[in-house]
Amino acid sequence: MQKKLLMNGIMGISLAVLTTMGHAATPEGFWKSIDDRSGELLSIIEVKKKTDGTYTGTIAYRYPVPGGGTVLTNCVKCPEPFKNKPILGLQIAWGLKQDPQNPDQYIDGRILEPKTGNIYKGKAQLSADGKRMRMRGYMGISALGRTQVWIRTDSANP
């Protein structure tokens, strides 16, 4: 009887470990975005999965500009429908979908850069542990672009 209970316990633990190992992390949640040029914290982005299976990213928090500079409050240079919308709450990523060939990559998205108003093609890649995401915006081919590293965080609060 004890041997049977022990075996059932071990089997249950093994099944739980295999189940959690078999699922890749998703981009859903909160991410700290870091400027690829200066290394400064920019924003906290909330990534959500839509009913159509694509992912969107919305600015949930803006970090103060280092040195007391002016924080951009509205998307002045952005095209419609983003023009003059507040930066806080602005959707800056949309249409990202999981790559069927590689479940840690998300492709075919669009990325809005509020500072310039430019919209780029976008893709993302999650790290193996799901704690970092490389968000790449590019024009034409991926080689013509920039990558920001986003770090997973627990909430929209810094």
C-alpha atoms as a PDB file:
ATOM      1  CA  MET A   1       0.000   0.000   0.000  1.00  0.00           C
ATOM      2  CA  GLN A   2       2.765   2.444   0.957  1.00  0.00           C
ATOM      3  CA  LYS A   3       4.689   1.524  -2.181  1.00  0.00           C
ATOM      4  CA  LYS A   4       1.600   2.233  -4.319  1.00  0.00           C
ATOM      5  CA  LEU A   5       1.044   5.637  -2.623  1.00  0.00           C
ATOM      6  CA  LEU A   6       4.729   6.506  -3.078  1.00  0.00           C
ATOM      7  CA  MET A   7       4.596   5.584  -6.778  1.00  0.00           C
ATOM      8  CA  ASN A   8       1.395   7.616  -7.292  1.00  0.00           C
ATOM      9  CA  GLY A   9       3.031  10.598  -5.575  1.00  0.00           C
ATOM     10  CA  ILE A  10       6.153  10.347  -7.747  1.00  0.00           C
ATOM     11  CA  MET A  11       4.057   9.938 -10.895  1.00  0.00           C
ATOM     12  CA  GLY A  12       1.968  12.993  -9.969  1.00  0.00           C
ATOM     13  CA  ILE A  13       5.072  15.117  -9.376  1.00  0.00           C
ATOM     14  CA  SER A  14       6.637  13.915 -12.633  1.00  0.00           C
ATOM     15  CA  LEU A  15       3.477  14.725 -14.556  1.00  0.00           C
ATOM     16  CA  ALA A  16       3.328  18.215 -13.021  1.00  0.00           C
ATOM     17  CA  VAL A  17       6.982  18.866 -13.934  1.00  0.00           C
ATOM     18  CA  LEU A  18       6.477  17.639 -17.502  1.00  0.00           C
ATOM     19  CA  THR A  19       3.321  19.729 -17.887  1.00  0.00           C
ATOM     20  CA  THR A  20       5.014  22.961 -16.805  1.00  0.00           C
ATOM     21  CA  MET A  21       8.112  22.221 -18.877  1.00  0.00           C
ATOM     22  CA  GLY A  22       6.031  21.602 -22.001  1.00  0.00           C
ATOM     23  CA  HIS A  23       4.531  25.111 -22.093  1.00  0.00           C
ATOM     24  CA  ALA A  24       6.564  27.991 -23.460  1.00  0.00           C
ATOM     25  CA  ALA A  25       6.274  31.335 -21.717  1.00  0.00           C
ATOM     26  CA  THR A  26       4.056  33.906 -23.416  1.00  0.00           C
ATOM     27  CA  PRO A  27       4.666  37.627 -23.831  1.00  0.00           C
ATOM     28  CA  GLU A  28       1.562  38.444 -21.789  1.00  0.00           C
ATOM     29  CA  GLY A  29       2.244  40.650 -18.795  1.00  0.00           C
ATOM     30  CA  PHE A  30       4.211  43.771 -17.911  1.00  0.00           C
ATOM     31  CA  TRP A  31       7.588  44.648 -19.435  1.00  0.00           C
ATOM     32  CA  LYS A  32      10.129  47.386 -18.688  1.00  0.00           C
ATOM     33  CA  SER A  33      11.377  48.799 -21.989  1.00  0.00           C
ATOM     34  CA  ILE A  34      14.979  49.975 -22.120  1.00  0.00           C
ATOM     35  CA  ASP A  35      16.321  52.460 -24.676  1.00  0.00           C
ATOM     36  CA  ASP A  36      18.700  50.589 -26.982  1.00  0.00           C
ATOM     37  CA  ARG A  37      20.921  53.655 -27.391  1.00  0.00           C
ATOM     38  CA  SER A  38      21.122  55.182 -23.901  1.00  0.00           C
ATOM     39  CA  GLY A  39      20.309  52.169 -21.709  1.00  0.00           C
ATOM     40  CA  GLU A  40      17.726  54.259 -19.812  1.00  0.00           C
ATOM     41  CA  LEU A  41      14.354  52.899 -18.678  1.00  0.00           C
ATOM     42  CA  LEU A  42      11.598  54.234 -20.940  1.00  0.00           C
ATOM     43  CA  SER A  43       8.241  52.725 -20.056  1.00  0.00           C
ATOM     44  CA  ILE A  44       6.383  49.781 -18.663  1.00  0.00           C
ATOM     45  CA  ILE A  45       4.433  48.091 -21.436  1.00  0.00           C
ATOM     46  CA  GLU A  46       1.461  45.829 -20.813  1.00  0.00           C
ATOM     47  CA  VAL A  47       1.228  43.028 -23.374  1.00  0.00           C
ATOM     48  CA  LYS A  48      -2.140  41.328 -23.818  1.00  0.00           C
ATOM     49  CA  LYS A  49      -3.421  38.543 -26.012  1.00  0.00           C
ATOM     50  CA  LYS A  50      -6.484  39.407 -28.092  1.00  0.00           C
ATOM     51  CA  THR A  51      -9.285  37.008 -28.969  1.00  0.00           C
ATOM     52  CA  ASP A  52      -7.851  36.610 -32.488  1.00  0.00           C
ATOM     53  CA  GLY A  53      -4.614  35.212 -30.980  1.00  0.00           C
ATOM     54  CA  THR A  54      -2.473  38.298 -31.690  1.00  0.00           C
ATOM     55  CA  TYR A  55      -0.669  40.339 -29.036  1.00  0.00           C
ATOM     56  CA  THR A  56      -0.790  44.088 -28.369  1.00  0.00           C
ATOM     57  CA  GLY A  57       1.420  46.280 -26.217  1.00  0.00           C
ATOM     58  CA  THR A  58       0.192  49.413 -24.423  1.00  0.00           C
ATOM     59  CA  ILE A  59       2.191  51.941 -22.404  1.00  0.00           C
ATOM     60  CA  ALA A  60       1.122  51.523 -18.768  1.00  0.00           C
ATOM     61  CA  TYR A  61       3.794  53.748 -17.160  1.00  0.00           C
ATOM     62  CA  ARG A  62       6.377  56.309 -18.339  1.00  0.00           C
ATOM     63  CA  TYR A  63       9.658  56.753 -16.469  1.00  0.00           C
ATOM     64  CA  PRO A  64      10.838  60.325 -15.830  1.00  0.00           C
ATOM     65  CA  VAL A  65      13.415  61.609 -18.312  1.00  0.00           C
ATOM     66  CA  PRO A  66      16.923  61.471 -16.758  1.00  0.00           C
ATOM     67  CA  GLY A  67      18.349  64.883 -15.947  1.00  0.00           C
ATOM     68  CA  GLY A  68      14.919  66.467 -15.612  1.00  0.00           C
ATOM     69  CA  GLY A  69      14.200  66.643 -19.341  1.00  0.00           C
ATOM     70  CA  THR A  70      10.722  67.062 -20.767  1.00  0.00           C
ATOM     71  CA  VAL A  71       8.571  63.974 -20.907  1.00  0.00           C
ATOM     72  CA  LEU A  72       6.634  63.586 -24.139  1.00  0.00           C
ATOM     73  CA  THR A  73       2.967  63.553 -23.055  1.00  0.00           C
ATOM     74  CA  ASN A  74       1.154  63.287 -26.410  1.00  0.00           C
ATOM     75  CA  CYS A  75       2.028  61.524 -29.645  1.00  0.00           C
ATOM     76  CA  VAL A  76       2.439  64.744 -31.627  1.00  0.00           C
ATOM     77  CA  LYS A  77       4.302  63.323 -34.646  1.00  0.00           C
ATOM     78  CA  CYS A  78       2.198  60.165 -34.883  1.00  0.00           C
ATOM     79  CA  PRO A  79      -0.060  59.414 -37.845  1.00  0.00           C
ATOM     80  CA  GLU A  80      -3.815  58.960 -37.431  1.00  0.00           C
ATOM     81  CA  PRO A  81      -5.393  57.340 -35.435  1.00  0.00           C
ATOM     82  CA  PHE A  82      -2.563  57.923 -32.907  1.00  0.00           C
ATOM     83  CA  LYS A  83      -2.034  61.651 -33.576  1.00  0.00           C
ATOM     84  CA  ASN A  84      -2.128  63.777 -30.396  1.00  0.00           C
ATOM     85  CA  LYS A  85      -3.198  60.812 -28.248  1.00  0.00           C
ATOM     86  CA  PRO A  86      -1.713  60.658 -24.731  1.00  0.00           C
ATOM     87  CA  ILE A  87       1.451  58.545 -24.551  1.00  0.00           C
ATOM     88  CA  LEU A  88       0.227  56.912 -21.340  1.00  0.00           C
ATOM     89  CA  GLY A  89      -2.261  54.290 -22.487  1.00  0.00           C
ATOM     90  CA  LEU A  90      -1.045  54.416 -26.103  1.00  0.00           C
ATOM     91  CA  GLN A  91      -0.980  51.133 -28.006  1.00  0.00           C
ATOM     92  CA  ILE A  92       2.544  50.886 -29.438  1.00  0.00           C
ATOM     93  CA  ALA A  93       2.606  47.259 -30.590  1.00  0.00           C
ATOM     94  CA  TRP A  94      -0.063  45.221 -32.319  1.00  0.00           C
ATOM     95  CA  GLY A  95      -0.594  42.241 -34.582  1.00  0.00           C
ATOM     96  CA  LEU A  96       2.221  40.118 -33.128  1.00  0.00           C
ATOM     97  CA  LYS A  97       1.454  36.440 -33.550  1.00  0.00           C
ATOM     98  CA  GLN A  98       3.291  33.354 -32.410  1.00  0.00           C
ATOM     99  CA  ASP A  99       5.579  31.893 -35.043  1.00  0.00           C
ATOM    100  CA  PRO A 100       4.344  28.359 -35.806  1.00  0.00           C
ATOM    101  CA  GLN A 101       7.961  27.272 -36.456  1.00  0.00           C
ATOM    102  CA  ASN A 102       9.362  28.683 -33.200  1.00  0.00           C
ATOM    103  CA  PRO A 103       7.009  29.168 -30.222  1.00  0.00           C
ATOM    104  CA  ASP A 104       9.377  31.654 -28.509  1.00  0.00           C
ATOM    105  CA  GLN A 105       9.165  34.085 -31.455  1.00  0.00           C
ATOM    106  CA  TYR A 106       6.366  36.461 -32.369  1.00  0.00           C
ATOM    107  CA  ILE A 107       6.138  37.825 -35.892  1.00  0.00           C
ATOM    108  CA  ASP A 108       4.158  39.992 -38.336  1.00  0.00           C
ATOM    109  CA  GLY A 109       3.510  42.800 -35.870  1.00  0.00           C
ATOM    110  CA  ARG A 110       3.701  46.565 -36.038  1.00  0.00           C
ATOM    111  CA  ILE A 111       5.594  48.852 -33.648  1.00  0.00           C
ATOM    112  CA  LEU A 112       4.901  52.568 -33.126  1.00  0.00           C
ATOM    113  CA  GLU A 113       7.750  54.779 -31.927  1.00  0.00           C
ATOM    114  CA  PRO A 114       5.973  57.695 -30.183  1.00  0.00           C
ATOM    115  CA  LYS A 115       9.022  59.991 -30.260  1.00  0.00           C
ATOM    116  CA  THR A 116       9.214  60.000 -34.080  1.00  0.00           C
ATOM    117  CA  GLY A 117       5.720  58.835 -35.014  1.00  0.00           C
ATOM    118  CA  ASN A 118       7.225  56.101 -37.193  1.00  0.00           C
ATOM    119  CA  ILE A 119       5.500  52.738 -37.544  1.00  0.00           C
ATOM    120  CA  TYR A 120       7.760  49.757 -38.162  1.00  0.00           C
ATOM    121  CA  LYS A 121       7.328  46.076 -38.853  1.00  0.00           C
ATOM    122  CA  GLY A 122       7.869  44.243 -35.592  1.00  0.00           C
ATOM    123  CA  LYS A 123       8.862  40.938 -34.145  1.00  0.00           C
ATOM    124  CA  ALA A 124       9.791  39.696 -30.703  1.00  0.00           C
ATOM    125  CA  GLN A 125      11.721  36.829 -29.189  1.00  0.00           C
ATOM    126  CA  LEU A 126      11.331  35.576 -25.630  1.00  0.00           C
ATOM    127  CA  SER A 127      14.319  34.306 -23.699  1.00  0.00           C
ATOM    128  CA  ALA A 128      14.254  30.659 -22.650  1.00  0.00           C
ATOM    129  CA  ASP A 129      13.266  31.610 -19.088  1.00  0.00           C
ATOM    130  CA  GLY A 130      10.583  34.073 -20.288  1.00  0.00           C
ATOM    131  CA  LYS A 131      12.086  36.975 -18.311  1.00  0.00           C
ATOM    132  CA  ARG A 132      13.483  38.975 -21.246  1.00  0.00           C
ATOM    133  CA  MET A 133      12.071  39.816 -24.622  1.00  0.00           C
ATOM    134  CA  ARG A 134      13.952  41.244 -27.576  1.00  0.00           C
ATOM    135  CA  MET A 135      11.548  43.570 -29.407  1.00  0.00           C
ATOM    136  CA  ARG A 136      12.738  44.437 -32.911  1.00  0.00           C
ATOM    137  CA  GLY A 137      11.333  47.174 -35.117  1.00  0.00           C
ATOM    138  CA  TYR A 138      12.495  47.330 -38.734  1.00  0.00           C
ATOM    139  CA  MET A 139      11.799  48.698 -42.187  1.00  0.00           C
ATOM    140  CA  GLY A 140      11.741  46.309 -45.117  1.00  0.00           C
ATOM    141  CA  ILE A 141      14.083  43.577 -43.923  1.00  0.00           C
ATOM    142  CA  SER A 142      14.903  42.770 -40.316  1.00  0.00           C
ATOM    143  CA  ALA A 143      18.566  43.713 -40.783  1.00  0.00           C
ATOM    144  CA  LEU A 144      17.449  47.349 -41.164  1.00  0.00           C
ATOM    145  CA  GLY A 145      16.155  47.947 -37.671  1.00  0.00           C
ATOM    146  CA  ARG A 146      16.728  48.319 -33.955  1.00  0.00           C
ATOM    147  CA  THR A 147      16.200  46.001 -31.018  1.00  0.00           C
ATOM    148  CA  GLN A 148      15.149  46.911 -27.506  1.00  0.00           C
ATOM    149  CA  VAL A 149      15.403  44.511 -24.607  1.00  0.00           C
ATOM    150  CA  TRP A 150      12.297  44.366 -22.467  1.00  0.00           C
ATOM    151  CA  ILE A 151      12.504  42.909 -18.949  1.00  0.00           C
ATOM    152  CA  ARG A 152       9.498  41.215 -17.366  1.00  0.00           C
ATOM    153  CA  THR A 153       8.123  42.921 -14.269  1.00  0.00           C
ATOM    154  CA  ASP A 154       5.245  42.180 -11.918  1.00  0.00           C
ATOM    155  CA  SER A 155       3.090  45.266 -12.426  1.00  0.00           C
ATOM    156  CA  ALA A 156       2.662  48.664 -14.067  1.00  0.00           C
ATOM    157  CA  ASN A 157       4.243  50.262 -10.994  1.00  0.00           C
ATOM    158  CA  PRO A 158       8.002  50.886 -11.117  1.00  0.00           C
END
